[in-house]
Amino acid sequence: MAYDEKLARFRQAHLNPFNKGPEPPVGGGGPEEPPPGAAPPSVARRPEPCPGDAESPEPPMDLGLAEDHFSRPVGLILAPDVRQLRRAIEECKRAILALPEHSERQKDAVVRLIHLRLKLQELQDPDEEEPNIRVVLEHRFYKEKSKSVKQTCDKCSTIIWGLIQTWYTCTGCYYRCHSKCLPLVTKPCVRSKVSHQAEYQLSICPESGLDSQDYRCAECRAPIALRGVPSEARQCDYTGLYYCSSCHWNDLAVVPARAIHNWDFEPRKVSRCSMRYLALMVSRPVLKLREINPLLFNYVEELVEIRKLRQDILLMKPYFITCKEAMEARLLLQLQDRQHFVENDEMYSLQDLIDIEAGRLSCSLTEIHTLFAKHIKLDCERCQAKGFVCELCKEGDVLFPFDSHTSVCTDCSAVFHRDCYYDNSTTCPKCARLSLRKQSLFQDSVAEAEP
């Protein structure tokens, strides 16, 4: 077909109703024949199809995806049903495979396929009024308002299209799923396990084998095998169990057992359930290193430095509790993210070990230690008045128990120079003075009791 004839047919199919041609004469015969080569006059009806058009058939329907605001009134576009959309999706798939790879036409066809699938999903999952809060197996699901964030459903492992689908997030373990997947959730919330049983698996990848799991996923009990038939078995480095691809997405996380026993912080592949549990437990101080692996302090110098800083902070704590200026300045809130640092010097969290290995904790804790010492020794007169003078040599500056060159008596908490304390073979002067006072008080009470 010549270009002029195609252009004429296009103009006839997209007639502007406000641009009418002259009326034909009443008494005349038919319309005059157009001269050869000229475009035929515009008419309101669509022309009859030509035999040559059979070689390039047009799409059987218009789904309203292309925007043409000048030739097609909106009222003429009818909403397609599910059957028509599925047929259009299959035709679009065949067109994508037939077009050259990485071409512009193929990219446009892919975009059209995405739009068709979105329309199909919208018909299959209509927007209904969903409750804002849903409670399922101790999960507390809240309806999400965000529409542009691209997420993946933890239940069906498919993409959540926020523009047309309703989805929920658990506020405890951050489990995400479609509203239609909520009744299918079978795994309880990990937050409840963290609240009732806050402890780690401290064995390094305790593998037991697929036969102990009956060749099924440890979570959803789907059939799995190492050869990938019927489904690929993926091992979790934290629990040592095997999971299917829907429950194990090859997420990476630091395994506590490897960090404590081998000082190994390389992320390993863990299941979705283990990843959520480790994420909730990462800041909880549940690791007592002196009992789990006491030899670790002999090989990791940073641990010894952190332990000394924590011991000094515990010695500074009584000064801040009894100081009005320190309480008003809220100095102890410098450690609000690591509250256990002002309670003891033995418990560590997994995040503490990660930051120690990276060198971040040593720098931040040293700055806080310097700030605390500056307040006690220089800024506050009340805290300075609580210092000690070495009673063995009675020389030097005012001493504090957190100074590096001092020693503290274990009985009366008196502070001395370290050299004076270890060189002097006599007992602590303060302890001797307290014992004499007790003896005198005892003798006075006995004398008063005698008639």
Protein backbone atom coordinates (compact mmCIF):
# COMPACT_ATOMS: atom_id res chain seq x y z
CA MET A 1 0.00 0.00 0.00
CA ALA A 2 1.36 3.43 -0.94
CA TYR A 3 2.19 5.97 1.72
CA ASP A 4 -0.48 8.43 0.50
CA GLU A 5 -3.21 5.82 0.71
CA LYS A 6 -2.15 4.84 4.29
CA LEU A 7 -2.17 8.50 5.29
CA ALA A 8 -5.63 8.94 3.82
CA ARG A 9 -6.94 5.89 5.69
CA PHE A 10 -5.45 7.20 8.95
CA ARG A 11 -7.18 10.56 8.50
CA GLN A 12 -10.47 8.86 7.77
CA ALA A 13 -10.20 6.70 10.91
CA HIS A 14 -9.42 9.73 13.12
CA LEU A 15 -11.99 12.20 11.87
CA ASN A 16 -12.45 15.44 13.83
CA PRO A 17 -16.26 15.87 14.25
CA PHE A 18 -15.91 19.69 14.19
CA ASN A 19 -14.18 19.71 10.81
CA LYS A 20 -16.96 18.58 8.44
CA GLY A 21 -16.70 18.76 4.73
CA PRO A 22 -19.25 20.47 2.44
CA GLU A 23 -22.68 18.86 2.21
CA PRO A 24 -23.34 17.00 -1.07
CA PRO A 25 -26.04 18.53 -3.33
CA VAL A 26 -29.56 17.23 -2.79
CA GLY A 27 -30.51 16.62 -6.34
CA GLY A 28 -27.21 15.44 -7.53
CA GLY A 29 -26.06 11.93 -7.89
CA GLY A 30 -23.25 10.40 -5.92
CA PRO A 31 -20.15 12.17 -4.81
CA GLU A 32 -17.60 13.08 -7.39
CA GLU A 33 -14.71 10.72 -7.83
CA PRO A 34 -11.45 12.16 -6.58
CA PRO A 35 -8.76 12.68 -9.14
CA PRO A 36 -6.06 10.02 -9.33
CA GLY A 37 -3.35 10.43 -6.69
CA ALA A 38 -5.43 12.78 -4.50
CA ALA A 39 -6.53 11.97 -0.99
CA PRO A 40 -10.22 10.96 -0.71
CA PRO A 41 -12.54 13.30 1.17
CA SER A 42 -13.06 12.85 4.88
CA VAL A 43 -16.09 10.81 5.85
CA ALA A 44 -17.53 9.90 9.23
CA ARG A 45 -17.57 6.15 8.74
CA ARG A 46 -14.51 3.88 8.89
CA PRO A 47 -13.40 2.60 5.48
CA GLU A 48 -13.76 -1.01 4.54
CA PRO A 49 -10.61 -3.08 5.07
CA CYS A 50 -8.52 -3.70 2.00
CA PRO A 51 -7.41 -7.17 0.99
CA GLY A 52 -3.77 -6.12 1.37
CA ASP A 53 -4.22 -5.36 5.05
CA ALA A 54 -4.46 -9.05 5.91
CA GLU A 55 -0.67 -9.32 5.82
CA SER A 56 -0.26 -6.92 8.80
CA PRO A 57 -3.22 -7.48 11.17
CA GLU A 58 -3.86 -4.90 13.86
CA PRO A 59 -4.35 -5.80 17.55
CA PRO A 60 -7.83 -7.18 18.17
CA MET A 61 -8.59 -4.70 20.93
CA ASP A 62 -7.47 -1.43 22.50
CA LEU A 63 -6.66 -1.71 26.20
CA GLY A 64 -6.35 2.01 26.74
CA LEU A 65 -2.60 1.98 27.45
CA ALA A 66 -1.55 4.34 24.67
CA GLU A 67 -2.53 7.94 25.18
CA ASP A 68 -4.32 9.59 22.27
CA HIS A 69 -6.40 12.47 23.61
CA PHE A 70 -7.35 13.99 20.23
CA SER A 71 -8.89 11.14 18.28
CA ARG A 72 -10.57 8.81 20.81
CA PRO A 73 -13.20 9.93 23.36
CA VAL A 74 -12.65 8.48 26.81
CA GLY A 75 -16.14 7.03 27.00
CA LEU A 76 -15.42 4.64 24.12
CA ILE A 77 -12.70 2.80 26.07
CA LEU A 78 -14.21 -0.20 27.78
CA ALA A 79 -12.46 -1.88 30.71
CA PRO A 80 -11.07 -5.26 29.58
CA ASP A 81 -11.83 -8.42 31.49
CA VAL A 82 -9.35 -10.96 32.85
CA ARG A 83 -9.61 -13.24 29.81
CA GLN A 84 -8.81 -10.44 27.37
CA LEU A 85 -5.90 -9.26 29.49
CA ARG A 86 -4.38 -12.71 29.68
CA ARG A 87 -4.68 -13.09 25.90
CA ALA A 88 -3.04 -9.69 25.41
CA ILE A 89 -0.23 -10.66 27.80
CA GLU A 90 0.51 -13.83 25.82
CA GLU A 91 0.55 -11.87 22.54
CA CYS A 92 2.90 -9.31 24.10
CA LYS A 93 5.22 -12.09 25.25
CA ARG A 94 5.40 -13.54 21.76
CA ALA A 95 6.09 -10.08 20.36
CA ILE A 96 8.96 -9.54 22.80
CA LEU A 97 10.58 -12.83 21.79
CA ALA A 98 10.18 -12.01 18.08
CA LEU A 99 11.70 -8.52 18.28
CA PRO A 100 15.48 -7.94 18.14
CA GLU A 101 17.19 -7.99 21.52
CA HIS A 102 18.01 -4.68 23.23
CA SER A 103 16.07 -2.75 20.61
CA GLU A 104 13.81 0.18 21.39
CA ARG A 105 10.75 -1.68 20.15
CA GLN A 106 11.49 -4.58 22.49
CA LYS A 107 11.90 -2.19 25.43
CA ASP A 108 8.55 -0.57 24.62
CA ALA A 109 6.97 -4.01 24.45
CA VAL A 110 8.39 -4.90 27.87
CA VAL A 111 6.92 -1.71 29.34
CA ARG A 112 3.56 -2.56 27.76
CA LEU A 113 3.76 -6.07 29.27
CA ILE A 114 4.36 -4.60 32.72
CA HIS A 115 1.33 -2.35 32.36
CA LEU A 116 -0.80 -5.26 31.24
CA ARG A 117 0.24 -7.34 34.22
CA LEU A 118 -0.48 -4.47 36.58
CA LYS A 119 -3.97 -4.15 35.11
CA LEU A 120 -4.48 -7.89 35.49
CA GLN A 121 -3.32 -7.77 39.10
CA GLU A 122 -5.64 -4.85 39.76
CA LEU A 123 -8.62 -6.87 38.51
CA GLN A 124 -7.63 -9.98 40.46
CA ASP A 125 -6.83 -8.10 43.70
CA PRO A 126 -9.25 -5.15 43.86
CA ASP A 127 -8.61 -2.36 46.33
CA GLU A 128 -10.79 -3.11 49.33
CA GLU A 129 -10.95 -1.53 52.71
CA GLU A 130 -8.43 -3.40 54.83
CA PRO A 131 -8.03 -2.98 58.60
CA ASN A 132 -5.00 -0.99 59.72
CA ILE A 133 -3.95 -3.55 62.35
CA ARG A 134 -3.91 -7.33 62.00
CA VAL A 135 -2.62 -9.80 64.64
CA VAL A 136 -1.48 -13.20 63.31
CA LEU A 137 0.65 -15.67 65.35
CA GLU A 138 1.97 -12.92 67.65
CA HIS A 139 2.79 -10.78 64.60
CA ARG A 140 1.38 -7.28 64.91
CA PHE A 141 0.86 -6.24 61.32
CA TYR A 142 0.30 -2.59 60.43
CA LYS A 143 -1.06 -1.49 57.08
CA GLU A 144 1.59 0.34 55.10
CA LYS A 145 0.88 3.74 53.55
CA SER A 146 3.90 3.92 51.28
CA LYS A 147 3.09 3.26 47.64
CA SER A 148 6.40 3.88 45.86
CA VAL A 149 8.74 1.65 47.89
CA LYS A 150 9.50 -1.65 46.17
CA GLN A 151 9.42 -4.58 48.61
CA THR A 152 9.29 -8.37 48.44
CA CYS A 153 6.69 -10.48 50.19
CA ASP A 154 8.28 -12.76 52.78
CA LYS A 155 5.56 -15.37 52.30
CA CYS A 156 5.16 -15.80 48.54
CA SER A 157 8.57 -14.30 47.54
CA THR A 158 7.01 -12.05 44.89
CA ILE A 159 7.22 -8.30 44.44
CA ILE A 160 4.76 -6.10 46.33
CA TRP A 161 3.34 -3.49 43.99
CA GLY A 162 2.40 -0.76 46.44
CA LEU A 163 0.41 1.23 43.89
CA ILE A 164 -2.27 -1.42 43.47
CA GLN A 165 -1.71 -3.89 46.32
CA THR A 166 -2.31 -3.67 50.05
CA TRP A 167 0.57 -4.89 52.21
CA TYR A 168 1.46 -5.11 55.89
CA THR A 169 4.61 -4.97 58.00
CA CYS A 170 5.07 -6.56 61.43
CA THR A 171 6.29 -3.96 63.90
CA GLY A 172 8.15 -6.60 65.90
CA CYS A 173 10.21 -8.53 63.34
CA TYR A 174 9.58 -6.42 60.17
CA TYR A 175 7.93 -9.34 58.36
CA ARG A 176 6.35 -8.03 55.12
CA CYS A 177 3.60 -9.66 53.11
CA HIS A 178 0.56 -9.02 50.93
CA SER A 179 -2.81 -8.71 52.58
CA LYS A 180 -3.88 -11.87 50.74
CA CYS A 181 -0.87 -13.74 52.22
CA LEU A 182 -1.72 -12.93 55.85
CA PRO A 183 -3.93 -16.02 56.35
CA LEU A 184 -1.07 -18.19 55.00
CA VAL A 185 1.56 -17.04 57.54
CA THR A 186 2.69 -20.03 59.62
CA LYS A 187 5.85 -18.73 61.33
CA PRO A 188 5.38 -16.98 64.71
CA CYS A 189 6.88 -13.55 65.29
CA VAL A 190 10.60 -13.70 66.11
CA ARG A 191 10.17 -10.84 68.60
CA SER A 192 8.42 -13.20 71.02
CA LYS A 193 11.38 -15.59 70.89
CA VAL A 194 13.78 -12.73 71.57
CA SER A 195 11.68 -11.62 74.55
CA HIS A 196 11.39 -15.08 76.12
CA GLN A 197 14.64 -16.75 75.07
CA ALA A 198 17.33 -14.15 74.42
CA GLU A 199 20.32 -16.35 73.73
CA TYR A 200 22.49 -17.32 70.76
CA GLN A 201 23.31 -20.65 69.20
CA LEU A 202 27.03 -20.83 70.12
CA SER A 203 27.95 -23.93 68.09
CA ILE A 204 29.51 -23.24 64.71
CA CYS A 205 27.06 -24.44 62.02
CA PRO A 206 25.74 -27.53 63.84
CA GLU A 207 24.85 -29.54 60.74
CA SER A 208 22.71 -32.63 61.26
CA GLY A 209 21.92 -33.63 57.66
CA LEU A 210 18.89 -33.67 55.40
CA ASP A 211 17.79 -37.09 56.63
CA SER A 212 17.12 -35.67 60.10
CA GLN A 213 14.77 -33.14 58.43
CA ASP A 214 13.04 -35.86 56.37
CA TYR A 215 14.34 -34.07 53.26
CA ARG A 216 12.03 -31.16 53.91
CA CYS A 217 12.51 -27.45 54.57
CA ALA A 218 13.09 -26.72 58.25
CA GLU A 219 10.47 -23.92 58.17
CA CYS A 220 7.74 -24.59 55.61
CA ARG A 221 8.32 -28.38 55.29
CA ALA A 222 8.49 -28.24 51.49
CA PRO A 223 10.44 -31.11 49.81
CA ILE A 224 14.10 -30.18 49.17
CA ALA A 225 17.25 -31.91 47.92
CA LEU A 226 20.89 -30.98 47.36
CA ARG A 227 20.57 -31.58 43.62
CA GLY A 228 17.79 -29.02 43.29
CA VAL A 229 15.04 -31.53 42.49
CA PRO A 230 12.28 -30.81 43.41
CA SER A 231 13.71 -27.73 45.18
CA GLU A 232 17.20 -26.53 46.05
CA ALA A 233 18.33 -27.09 49.65
CA ARG A 234 20.13 -24.07 51.13
CA GLN A 235 21.98 -24.34 54.42
CA CYS A 236 21.76 -21.68 57.12
CA ASP A 237 25.18 -21.06 58.66
CA TYR A 238 23.62 -20.03 61.98
CA THR A 239 21.30 -22.97 62.68
CA GLY A 240 22.97 -25.55 60.42
CA LEU A 241 19.55 -26.53 59.02
CA TYR A 242 18.46 -26.66 55.39
CA TYR A 243 15.74 -24.47 53.88
CA CYS A 244 14.01 -24.05 50.54
CA SER A 245 14.56 -21.06 48.28
CA SER A 246 11.38 -19.40 49.57
CA CYS A 247 12.61 -19.47 53.18
CA HIS A 248 16.31 -18.89 52.44
CA TRP A 249 17.14 -15.91 50.21
CA ASN A 250 20.94 -16.12 50.67
CA ASP A 251 20.93 -13.18 53.06
CA LEU A 252 24.28 -12.42 54.69
CA ALA A 253 24.80 -11.88 58.43
CA VAL A 254 27.58 -12.12 61.01
CA VAL A 255 27.34 -15.41 62.89
CA PRO A 256 27.88 -14.97 66.68
CA ALA A 257 29.52 -18.39 67.20
CA ARG A 258 32.19 -17.66 64.60
CA ALA A 259 32.84 -14.22 66.07
CA ILE A 260 33.26 -15.49 69.64
CA HIS A 261 35.28 -18.64 68.98
CA ASN A 262 37.31 -17.62 65.90
CA TRP A 263 37.03 -13.80 65.91
CA ASP A 264 35.61 -14.22 62.41
CA PHE A 265 33.21 -11.49 61.27
CA GLU A 266 32.79 -12.46 57.63
CA PRO A 267 29.06 -12.44 56.76
CA ARG A 268 27.63 -15.88 56.04
CA LYS A 269 24.45 -17.03 54.30
CA VAL A 270 21.53 -17.43 56.69
CA SER A 271 17.81 -18.06 56.32
CA ARG A 272 15.18 -15.34 56.52
CA CYS A 273 14.09 -16.40 59.99
CA SER A 274 17.68 -16.45 61.30
CA MET A 275 18.41 -13.08 59.71
CA ARG A 276 15.44 -11.46 61.46
CA TYR A 277 16.39 -13.08 64.78
CA LEU A 278 20.02 -11.92 64.51
CA ALA A 279 18.89 -8.42 63.54
CA LEU A 280 16.74 -8.17 66.67
CA MET A 281 19.46 -9.66 68.92
CA VAL A 282 22.44 -7.73 67.59
CA SER A 283 22.26 -4.98 70.25
CA ARG A 284 21.29 -7.16 73.23
CA PRO A 285 24.10 -7.70 75.79
CA VAL A 286 23.83 -11.47 76.23
CA LEU A 287 27.46 -12.53 75.66
CA LYS A 288 29.62 -13.09 78.74
CA LEU A 289 33.00 -13.50 77.11
CA ARG A 290 34.87 -14.45 80.29
CA GLU A 291 32.77 -17.60 80.56
CA ILE A 292 32.30 -18.43 76.88
CA ASN A 293 35.88 -17.89 75.68
CA PRO A 294 38.20 -16.39 78.34
CA LEU A 295 41.31 -16.92 76.18
CA LEU A 296 39.97 -14.39 73.69
CA PHE A 297 41.35 -11.54 75.84
CA ASN A 298 44.86 -12.97 75.42
CA TYR A 299 44.79 -12.66 71.65
CA VAL A 300 42.66 -9.56 70.99
CA GLU A 301 44.31 -6.44 72.39
CA GLU A 302 41.30 -4.26 71.61
CA LEU A 303 39.19 -6.29 74.05
CA VAL A 304 41.62 -5.57 76.88
CA GLU A 305 41.52 -1.86 76.11
CA ILE A 306 37.71 -1.80 76.00
CA ARG A 307 37.49 -3.69 79.29
CA LYS A 308 39.76 -1.13 81.00
CA LEU A 309 37.70 1.77 79.68
CA ARG A 310 34.48 0.14 80.88
CA GLN A 311 35.95 -0.42 84.34
CA ASP A 312 36.96 3.25 84.53
CA ILE A 313 33.45 4.35 83.50
CA LEU A 314 31.97 2.23 86.28
CA LEU A 315 34.28 4.00 88.74
CA MET A 316 33.15 7.38 87.38
CA LYS A 317 29.46 6.54 87.71
CA PRO A 318 29.20 7.26 91.50
CA TYR A 319 30.57 10.78 90.90
CA PHE A 320 27.87 11.55 88.34
CA ILE A 321 25.04 10.11 90.41
CA THR A 322 25.87 12.40 93.35
CA CYS A 323 26.73 15.47 91.24
CA LYS A 324 23.94 17.92 90.52
CA GLU A 325 25.72 19.47 87.52
CA ALA A 326 26.38 16.08 85.95
CA MET A 327 22.75 15.06 86.38
CA GLU A 328 21.55 18.30 84.79
CA ALA A 329 23.99 17.87 81.91
CA ARG A 330 22.93 14.21 81.56
CA LEU A 331 26.43 13.02 80.96
CA LEU A 332 25.52 9.37 81.33
CA LEU A 333 23.25 9.68 78.29
CA GLN A 334 26.41 9.62 76.21
CA LEU A 335 26.12 5.85 76.61
CA GLN A 336 22.39 5.52 76.07
CA ASP A 337 22.95 3.26 73.05
CA ARG A 338 25.08 0.94 75.22
CA GLN A 339 23.31 1.06 78.56
CA HIS A 340 25.06 -2.09 79.78
CA PHE A 341 28.37 -0.20 79.84
CA VAL A 342 27.23 1.68 82.96
CA GLU A 343 25.93 -1.49 84.63
CA ASN A 344 28.78 -4.00 84.37
CA ASP A 345 32.00 -4.70 82.49
CA GLU A 346 31.40 -8.33 81.54
CA MET A 347 28.41 -8.46 79.18
CA TYR A 348 28.83 -7.70 75.47
CA SER A 349 26.47 -7.55 72.54
CA LEU A 350 27.24 -8.79 69.06
CA GLN A 351 27.23 -5.18 67.84
CA ASP A 352 29.93 -4.38 70.45
CA LEU A 353 32.17 -7.10 69.04
CA ILE A 354 31.54 -5.95 65.47
CA ASP A 355 32.44 -2.36 66.40
CA ILE A 356 35.53 -3.50 68.33
CA GLU A 357 36.79 -5.46 65.33
CA ALA A 358 36.15 -2.47 63.04
CA GLY A 359 37.88 -0.05 65.46
CA ARG A 360 34.84 2.18 65.94
CA LEU A 361 34.07 1.36 69.57
CA SER A 362 37.56 2.10 70.84
CA CYS A 363 37.53 5.62 69.37
CA SER A 364 34.03 6.53 70.58
CA LEU A 365 34.54 5.07 74.07
CA THR A 366 37.86 6.90 74.46
CA GLU A 367 36.17 10.22 73.66
CA ILE A 368 33.43 9.55 76.23
CA HIS A 369 36.05 8.52 78.81
CA THR A 370 37.95 11.78 78.22
CA LEU A 371 34.74 13.82 78.56
CA PHE A 372 33.83 12.15 81.85
CA ALA A 373 37.34 12.56 83.29
CA LYS A 374 37.42 16.23 82.31
CA HIS A 375 34.20 16.92 84.20
CA ILE A 376 35.42 15.18 87.37
CA LYS A 377 39.00 16.47 87.47
CA LEU A 378 38.72 19.94 85.91
CA ASP A 379 35.18 21.30 85.44
CA CYS A 380 33.32 20.37 88.64
CA GLU A 381 34.56 21.49 92.09
CA ARG A 382 32.24 19.08 93.90
CA CYS A 383 33.71 16.11 92.05
CA GLN A 384 37.27 17.40 92.62
CA ALA A 385 36.60 17.51 96.36
CA LYS A 386 35.90 13.76 96.32
CA GLY A 387 39.44 12.95 95.23
CA PHE A 388 42.09 11.21 97.35
CA VAL A 389 45.55 12.06 98.62
CA CYS A 390 48.08 9.25 98.83
CA GLU A 391 48.45 8.56 102.57
CA LEU A 392 51.62 6.55 102.01
CA CYS A 393 53.77 9.30 100.48
CA LYS A 394 51.45 12.27 101.10
CA GLU A 395 52.76 13.91 97.96
CA GLY A 396 51.52 14.57 94.43
CA ASP A 397 48.22 15.70 93.00
CA VAL A 398 44.71 14.64 93.92
CA LEU A 399 44.12 11.04 92.93
CA PHE A 400 41.03 9.38 91.49
CA PRO A 401 40.33 5.65 91.25
CA PHE A 402 40.15 5.70 87.45
CA ASP A 403 43.65 7.18 87.01
CA SER A 404 46.05 4.85 85.24
CA HIS A 405 48.87 5.28 87.80
CA THR A 406 46.81 4.51 90.91
CA SER A 407 45.79 1.46 92.91
CA VAL A 408 42.62 1.02 94.94
CA CYS A 409 42.38 -0.82 98.24
CA THR A 410 39.93 -3.68 97.88
CA ASP A 411 38.65 -3.31 101.48
CA CYS A 412 38.13 0.43 102.00
CA SER A 413 38.38 1.74 98.38
CA ALA A 414 41.18 4.17 99.31
CA VAL A 415 43.33 5.36 96.41
CA PHE A 416 47.16 5.38 96.44
CA HIS A 417 50.00 5.73 94.00
CA ARG A 418 50.61 2.36 92.42
CA ASP A 419 54.32 2.36 93.26
CA CYS A 420 53.65 3.39 96.87
CA TYR A 421 50.95 0.77 97.33
CA TYR A 422 53.06 -2.16 96.13
CA ASP A 423 56.33 -1.01 97.74
CA ASN A 424 54.78 -0.53 101.18
CA SER A 425 54.63 -3.79 103.10
CA THR A 426 52.40 -2.42 105.88
CA THR A 427 48.63 -2.49 105.82
CA CYS A 428 46.48 0.23 104.33
CA PRO A 429 46.53 3.33 106.62
CA LYS A 430 42.83 3.88 106.20
CA CYS A 431 41.99 0.26 107.03
CA ALA A 432 44.21 0.49 110.17
CA ARG A 433 42.49 3.72 111.22
CA LEU A 434 39.03 2.18 110.75
CA SER A 435 39.97 -0.89 112.77
CA LEU A 436 41.24 1.26 115.66
CA ARG A 437 38.00 3.22 115.62
CA LYS A 438 35.95 0.04 115.78
CA GLN A 439 38.01 -1.23 118.71
CA SER A 440 37.57 2.02 120.63
CA LEU A 441 33.83 2.00 120.04
CA PHE A 442 33.64 -1.60 121.24
CA GLN A 443 35.60 -0.80 124.41
CA ASP A 444 33.37 2.19 125.14
CA SER A 445 30.24 0.08 124.76
CA VAL A 446 31.66 -2.57 127.07
CA ALA A 447 32.61 0.03 129.69
CA GLU A 448 29.10 1.49 129.60
CA ALA A 449 27.58 -1.96 130.03
CA GLU A 450 29.57 -2.69 133.22
CA PRO A 451 27.85 -1.69 136.50
